[in-house]
């Protein structure tokens, strides 16, 4: 029998409390585009994120504290300023809301209106204006890194 392997991600599906409010959040804050959606057992909206999809499904279930998905953005500073203005920071204290990874990438954690945790990623801290984003903490300042873990990256070269 031939070995089977996954070839890539297709979509991420999350539960939301209020579909209309969540679609507005993802459209207005993150610039994600609505696309045609199947009729499902619950109200739903599919969104385009590059060549992948984010599926919002209206179900009244609590959002997990830790499980999250990560998005790349084309303007990290603009998302940072919007998140600061609307106080979208993760308030559960699992991560600092903004941190530099050992590979020089930057992560920011925000929550959507239903409490879903979203990681916003940027590949290069040196490309960010520190006058706009001054308080980036290094992961290695709070969690020691080994030579092996310092070789990890969020941005794989294919």
C-alpha atoms as a PDB file:
ATOM      1  CA  UNK A   1       0.000   0.000   0.000  1.00  0.00           C
ATOM      2  CA  UNK A   2       1.322   3.434  -0.948  1.00  0.00           C
ATOM      3  CA  UNK A   3       2.322   5.759   1.900  1.00  0.00           C
ATOM      4  CA  UNK A   4      -0.170   8.618   2.292  1.00  0.00           C
ATOM      5  CA  UNK A   5       0.954  12.072   3.349  1.00  0.00           C
ATOM      6  CA  UNK A   6      -0.755  15.390   3.835  1.00  0.00           C
ATOM      7  CA  UNK A   7       0.198  17.900   1.136  1.00  0.00           C
ATOM      8  CA  UNK A   8      -0.886  21.150   2.769  1.00  0.00           C
ATOM      9  CA  UNK A   9      -3.497  22.935   4.797  1.00  0.00           C
ATOM     10  CA  UNK A  10      -6.887  23.619   3.207  1.00  0.00           C
ATOM     11  CA  UNK A  11      -8.708  25.609   5.865  1.00  0.00           C
ATOM     12  CA  UNK A  12      -9.110  26.343   9.557  1.00  0.00           C
ATOM     13  CA  UNK A  13     -12.598  26.325  11.065  1.00  0.00           C
ATOM     14  CA  UNK A  14     -13.468  28.171  14.269  1.00  0.00           C
ATOM     15  CA  UNK A  15     -16.630  28.684  16.293  1.00  0.00           C
ATOM     16  CA  UNK A  16     -17.956  32.200  16.725  1.00  0.00           C
ATOM     17  CA  UNK A  17     -20.748  33.569  18.920  1.00  0.00           C
ATOM     18  CA  UNK A  18     -22.104  36.096  16.430  1.00  0.00           C
ATOM     19  CA  UNK A  19     -21.409  35.434  12.748  1.00  0.00           C
ATOM     20  CA  UNK A  20     -22.140  38.960  11.511  1.00  0.00           C
ATOM     21  CA  UNK A  21     -19.930  40.588  14.170  1.00  0.00           C
ATOM     22  CA  UNK A  22     -17.111  38.113  13.495  1.00  0.00           C
ATOM     23  CA  UNK A  23     -17.247  38.574   9.709  1.00  0.00           C
ATOM     24  CA  UNK A  24     -17.041  42.344  10.260  1.00  0.00           C
ATOM     25  CA  UNK A  25     -14.023  41.893  12.591  1.00  0.00           C
ATOM     26  CA  UNK A  26     -12.075  39.688  10.174  1.00  0.00           C
ATOM     27  CA  UNK A  27     -12.981  41.905   7.194  1.00  0.00           C
ATOM     28  CA  UNK A  28     -12.338  45.295   8.794  1.00  0.00           C
ATOM     29  CA  UNK A  29      -9.415  44.515  11.135  1.00  0.00           C
ATOM     30  CA  UNK A  30      -7.538  41.934   9.060  1.00  0.00           C
ATOM     31  CA  UNK A  31      -8.782  42.685   5.530  1.00  0.00           C
ATOM     32  CA  UNK A  32      -9.957  39.117   4.948  1.00  0.00           C
ATOM     33  CA  UNK A  33     -12.350  38.638   2.010  1.00  0.00           C
ATOM     34  CA  UNK A  34     -15.746  36.888   2.184  1.00  0.00           C
ATOM     35  CA  UNK A  35     -16.172  34.109  -0.381  1.00  0.00           C
ATOM     36  CA  UNK A  36     -19.122  31.874  -1.352  1.00  0.00           C
ATOM     37  CA  UNK A  37     -20.089  29.485   1.429  1.00  0.00           C
ATOM     38  CA  UNK A  38     -21.980  26.188   1.505  1.00  0.00           C
ATOM     39  CA  UNK A  39     -25.203  25.975   3.518  1.00  0.00           C
ATOM     40  CA  UNK A  40     -24.153  24.062   6.616  1.00  0.00           C
ATOM     41  CA  UNK A  41     -26.043  22.815   9.674  1.00  0.00           C
ATOM     42  CA  UNK A  42     -25.103  26.076  11.437  1.00  0.00           C
ATOM     43  CA  UNK A  43     -24.749  29.617  10.039  1.00  0.00           C
ATOM     44  CA  UNK A  44     -21.280  29.919   8.486  1.00  0.00           C
ATOM     45  CA  UNK A  45     -19.101  32.163   6.364  1.00  0.00           C
ATOM     46  CA  UNK A  46     -15.979  31.157   4.459  1.00  0.00           C
ATOM     47  CA  UNK A  47     -13.196  33.744   4.170  1.00  0.00           C
ATOM     48  CA  UNK A  48     -10.185  33.844   1.823  1.00  0.00           C
ATOM     49  CA  UNK A  49      -6.754  34.123   3.457  1.00  0.00           C
ATOM     50  CA  UNK A  50      -4.244  34.026   0.596  1.00  0.00           C
ATOM     51  CA  UNK A  51      -4.768  30.629  -1.028  1.00  0.00           C
ATOM     52  CA  UNK A  52      -6.329  29.125   2.118  1.00  0.00           C
ATOM     53  CA  UNK A  53      -9.647  29.583   3.885  1.00  0.00           C
ATOM     54  CA  UNK A  54     -10.858  30.500   7.344  1.00  0.00           C
ATOM     55  CA  UNK A  55     -14.317  29.100   8.106  1.00  0.00           C
ATOM     56  CA  UNK A  56     -16.409  30.902  10.710  1.00  0.00           C
ATOM     57  CA  UNK A  57     -19.223  28.751  12.104  1.00  0.00           C
ATOM     58  CA  UNK A  58     -21.754  30.229  14.510  1.00  0.00           C
ATOM     59  CA  UNK A  59     -21.858  27.897  17.514  1.00  0.00           C
ATOM     60  CA  UNK A  60     -22.158  29.048  21.103  1.00  0.00           C
ATOM     61  CA  UNK A  61     -19.238  27.158  22.596  1.00  0.00           C
ATOM     62  CA  UNK A  62     -16.425  28.711  24.628  1.00  0.00           C
ATOM     63  CA  UNK A  63     -13.269  29.585  22.713  1.00  0.00           C
ATOM     64  CA  UNK A  64     -10.218  27.638  23.872  1.00  0.00           C
ATOM     65  CA  UNK A  65      -7.714  29.592  25.942  1.00  0.00           C
ATOM     66  CA  UNK A  66      -4.607  28.353  24.122  1.00  0.00           C
ATOM     67  CA  UNK A  67      -5.505  26.871  20.719  1.00  0.00           C
ATOM     68  CA  UNK A  68      -4.949  29.423  18.005  1.00  0.00           C
ATOM     69  CA  UNK A  69      -4.195  29.967  14.367  1.00  0.00           C
ATOM     70  CA  UNK A  70      -1.532  32.254  12.928  1.00  0.00           C
ATOM     71  CA  UNK A  71      -1.775  34.756  10.089  1.00  0.00           C
ATOM     72  CA  UNK A  72       0.869  36.560   8.080  1.00  0.00           C
ATOM     73  CA  UNK A  73      -0.019  40.176   7.319  1.00  0.00           C
ATOM     74  CA  UNK A  74       1.259  42.725   4.818  1.00  0.00           C
ATOM     75  CA  UNK A  75       1.407  45.582   7.346  1.00  0.00           C
ATOM     76  CA  UNK A  76       2.245  44.506  10.886  1.00  0.00           C
ATOM     77  CA  UNK A  77       2.467  48.077  12.204  1.00  0.00           C
ATOM     78  CA  UNK A  78      -1.080  48.901  11.008  1.00  0.00           C
ATOM     79  CA  UNK A  79      -2.504  45.768  12.685  1.00  0.00           C
ATOM     80  CA  UNK A  80      -0.533  46.582  15.845  1.00  0.00           C
ATOM     81  CA  UNK A  81      -1.960  50.126  15.968  1.00  0.00           C
ATOM     82  CA  UNK A  82      -5.516  48.863  15.334  1.00  0.00           C
ATOM     83  CA  UNK A  83      -5.149  46.162  18.018  1.00  0.00           C
ATOM     84  CA  UNK A  84      -3.842  48.778  20.466  1.00  0.00           C
ATOM     85  CA  UNK A  85      -6.675  51.198  19.630  1.00  0.00           C
ATOM     86  CA  UNK A  86      -9.367  48.522  20.094  1.00  0.00           C
ATOM     87  CA  UNK A  87      -7.609  46.757  23.008  1.00  0.00           C
ATOM     88  CA  UNK A  88      -7.642  43.396  21.241  1.00  0.00           C
ATOM     89  CA  UNK A  89      -4.688  42.001  23.229  1.00  0.00           C
ATOM     90  CA  UNK A  90      -4.952  38.513  24.650  1.00  0.00           C
ATOM     91  CA  UNK A  91      -5.943  39.070  28.306  1.00  0.00           C
ATOM     92  CA  UNK A  92      -5.622  35.462  29.473  1.00  0.00           C
ATOM     93  CA  UNK A  93      -1.884  35.831  30.025  1.00  0.00           C
ATOM     94  CA  UNK A  94      -0.750  32.751  28.102  1.00  0.00           C
ATOM     95  CA  UNK A  95       1.803  34.767  26.124  1.00  0.00           C
ATOM     96  CA  UNK A  96       2.983  38.347  26.200  1.00  0.00           C
ATOM     97  CA  UNK A  97       0.905  40.027  23.509  1.00  0.00           C
ATOM     98  CA  UNK A  98       4.021  40.892  21.494  1.00  0.00           C
ATOM     99  CA  UNK A  99       7.337  39.023  21.260  1.00  0.00           C
ATOM    100  CA  UNK A 100      10.430  38.513  19.135  1.00  0.00           C
ATOM    101  CA  UNK A 101      11.304  34.930  18.304  1.00  0.00           C
ATOM    102  CA  UNK A 102      14.925  33.679  18.145  1.00  0.00           C
ATOM    103  CA  UNK A 103      14.809  33.734  14.300  1.00  0.00           C
ATOM    104  CA  UNK A 104      13.949  37.464  14.263  1.00  0.00           C
ATOM    105  CA  UNK A 105      10.263  36.939  13.498  1.00  0.00           C
ATOM    106  CA  UNK A 106       7.677  38.808  15.575  1.00  0.00           C
ATOM    107  CA  UNK A 107       4.419  37.432  16.998  1.00  0.00           C
ATOM    108  CA  UNK A 108       1.439  39.389  18.293  1.00  0.00           C
ATOM    109  CA  UNK A 109      -1.536  37.757  20.024  1.00  0.00           C
ATOM    110  CA  UNK A 110      -5.056  39.185  19.798  1.00  0.00           C
ATOM    111  CA  UNK A 111      -8.564  37.839  20.419  1.00  0.00           C
ATOM    112  CA  UNK A 112     -11.553  38.090  18.105  1.00  0.00           C
ATOM    113  CA  UNK A 113     -15.043  39.082  19.379  1.00  0.00           C
ATOM    114  CA  UNK A 114     -15.777  35.425  20.275  1.00  0.00           C
ATOM    115  CA  UNK A 115     -12.546  35.034  22.242  1.00  0.00           C
ATOM    116  CA  UNK A 116     -10.609  33.037  19.625  1.00  0.00           C
ATOM    117  CA  UNK A 117      -6.851  33.525  19.932  1.00  0.00           C
ATOM    118  CA  UNK A 118      -5.111  34.768  16.776  1.00  0.00           C
ATOM    119  CA  UNK A 119      -1.350  34.946  16.325  1.00  0.00           C
ATOM    120  CA  UNK A 120      -0.229  37.660  13.902  1.00  0.00           C
ATOM    121  CA  UNK A 121       3.223  36.932  12.452  1.00  0.00           C
ATOM    122  CA  UNK A 122       5.858  39.127  10.814  1.00  0.00           C
ATOM    123  CA  UNK A 123       9.118  37.674   9.432  1.00  0.00           C
ATOM    124  CA  UNK A 124      11.683  40.372  10.272  1.00  0.00           C
ATOM    125  CA  UNK A 125      11.880  42.555  13.380  1.00  0.00           C
ATOM    126  CA  UNK A 126      14.421  44.849  11.689  1.00  0.00           C
ATOM    127  CA  UNK A 127      11.748  45.929   9.174  1.00  0.00           C
ATOM    128  CA  UNK A 128       9.487  47.313  11.937  1.00  0.00           C
ATOM    129  CA  UNK A 129       9.541  50.934  13.102  1.00  0.00           C
ATOM    130  CA  UNK A 130      10.495  50.775  16.774  1.00  0.00           C
ATOM    131  CA  UNK A 131       9.037  54.279  17.188  1.00  0.00           C
ATOM    132  CA  UNK A 132       5.619  52.702  16.471  1.00  0.00           C
ATOM    133  CA  UNK A 133       6.198  49.373  18.254  1.00  0.00           C
ATOM    134  CA  UNK A 134       8.706  49.992  21.080  1.00  0.00           C
ATOM    135  CA  UNK A 135       7.862  47.237  23.585  1.00  0.00           C
ATOM    136  CA  UNK A 136       8.754  43.948  21.857  1.00  0.00           C
ATOM    137  CA  UNK A 137      10.059  41.386  24.349  1.00  0.00           C
ATOM    138  CA  UNK A 138      12.389  38.570  23.298  1.00  0.00           C
ATOM    139  CA  UNK A 139      11.154  35.021  23.864  1.00  0.00           C
ATOM    140  CA  UNK A 140      14.685  34.104  24.956  1.00  0.00           C
ATOM    141  CA  UNK A 141      14.480  36.636  27.841  1.00  0.00           C
ATOM    142  CA  UNK A 142      11.798  34.518  29.529  1.00  0.00           C
ATOM    143  CA  UNK A 143      12.236  31.048  28.023  1.00  0.00           C
ATOM    144  CA  UNK A 144      15.840  29.812  27.657  1.00  0.00           C
ATOM    145  CA  UNK A 145      16.749  28.585  24.157  1.00  0.00           C
ATOM    146  CA  UNK A 146      19.211  25.828  23.230  1.00  0.00           C
ATOM    147  CA  UNK A 147      21.380  25.739  20.098  1.00  0.00           C
ATOM    148  CA  UNK A 148      18.823  23.352  18.561  1.00  0.00           C
ATOM    149  CA  UNK A 149      15.781  25.523  19.372  1.00  0.00           C
ATOM    150  CA  UNK A 150      17.559  28.664  18.119  1.00  0.00           C
ATOM    151  CA  UNK A 151      17.505  27.000  14.668  1.00  0.00           C
ATOM    152  CA  UNK A 152      13.685  26.884  14.584  1.00  0.00           C
ATOM    153  CA  UNK A 153      11.711  29.248  12.360  1.00  0.00           C
ATOM    154  CA  UNK A 154       8.115  30.179  11.583  1.00  0.00           C
ATOM    155  CA  UNK A 155       9.048  30.768   7.926  1.00  0.00           C
ATOM    156  CA  UNK A 156      10.045  27.576   6.147  1.00  0.00           C
ATOM    157  CA  UNK A 157      11.751  27.848   2.776  1.00  0.00           C
ATOM    158  CA  UNK A 158      10.173  25.426   0.301  1.00  0.00           C
END
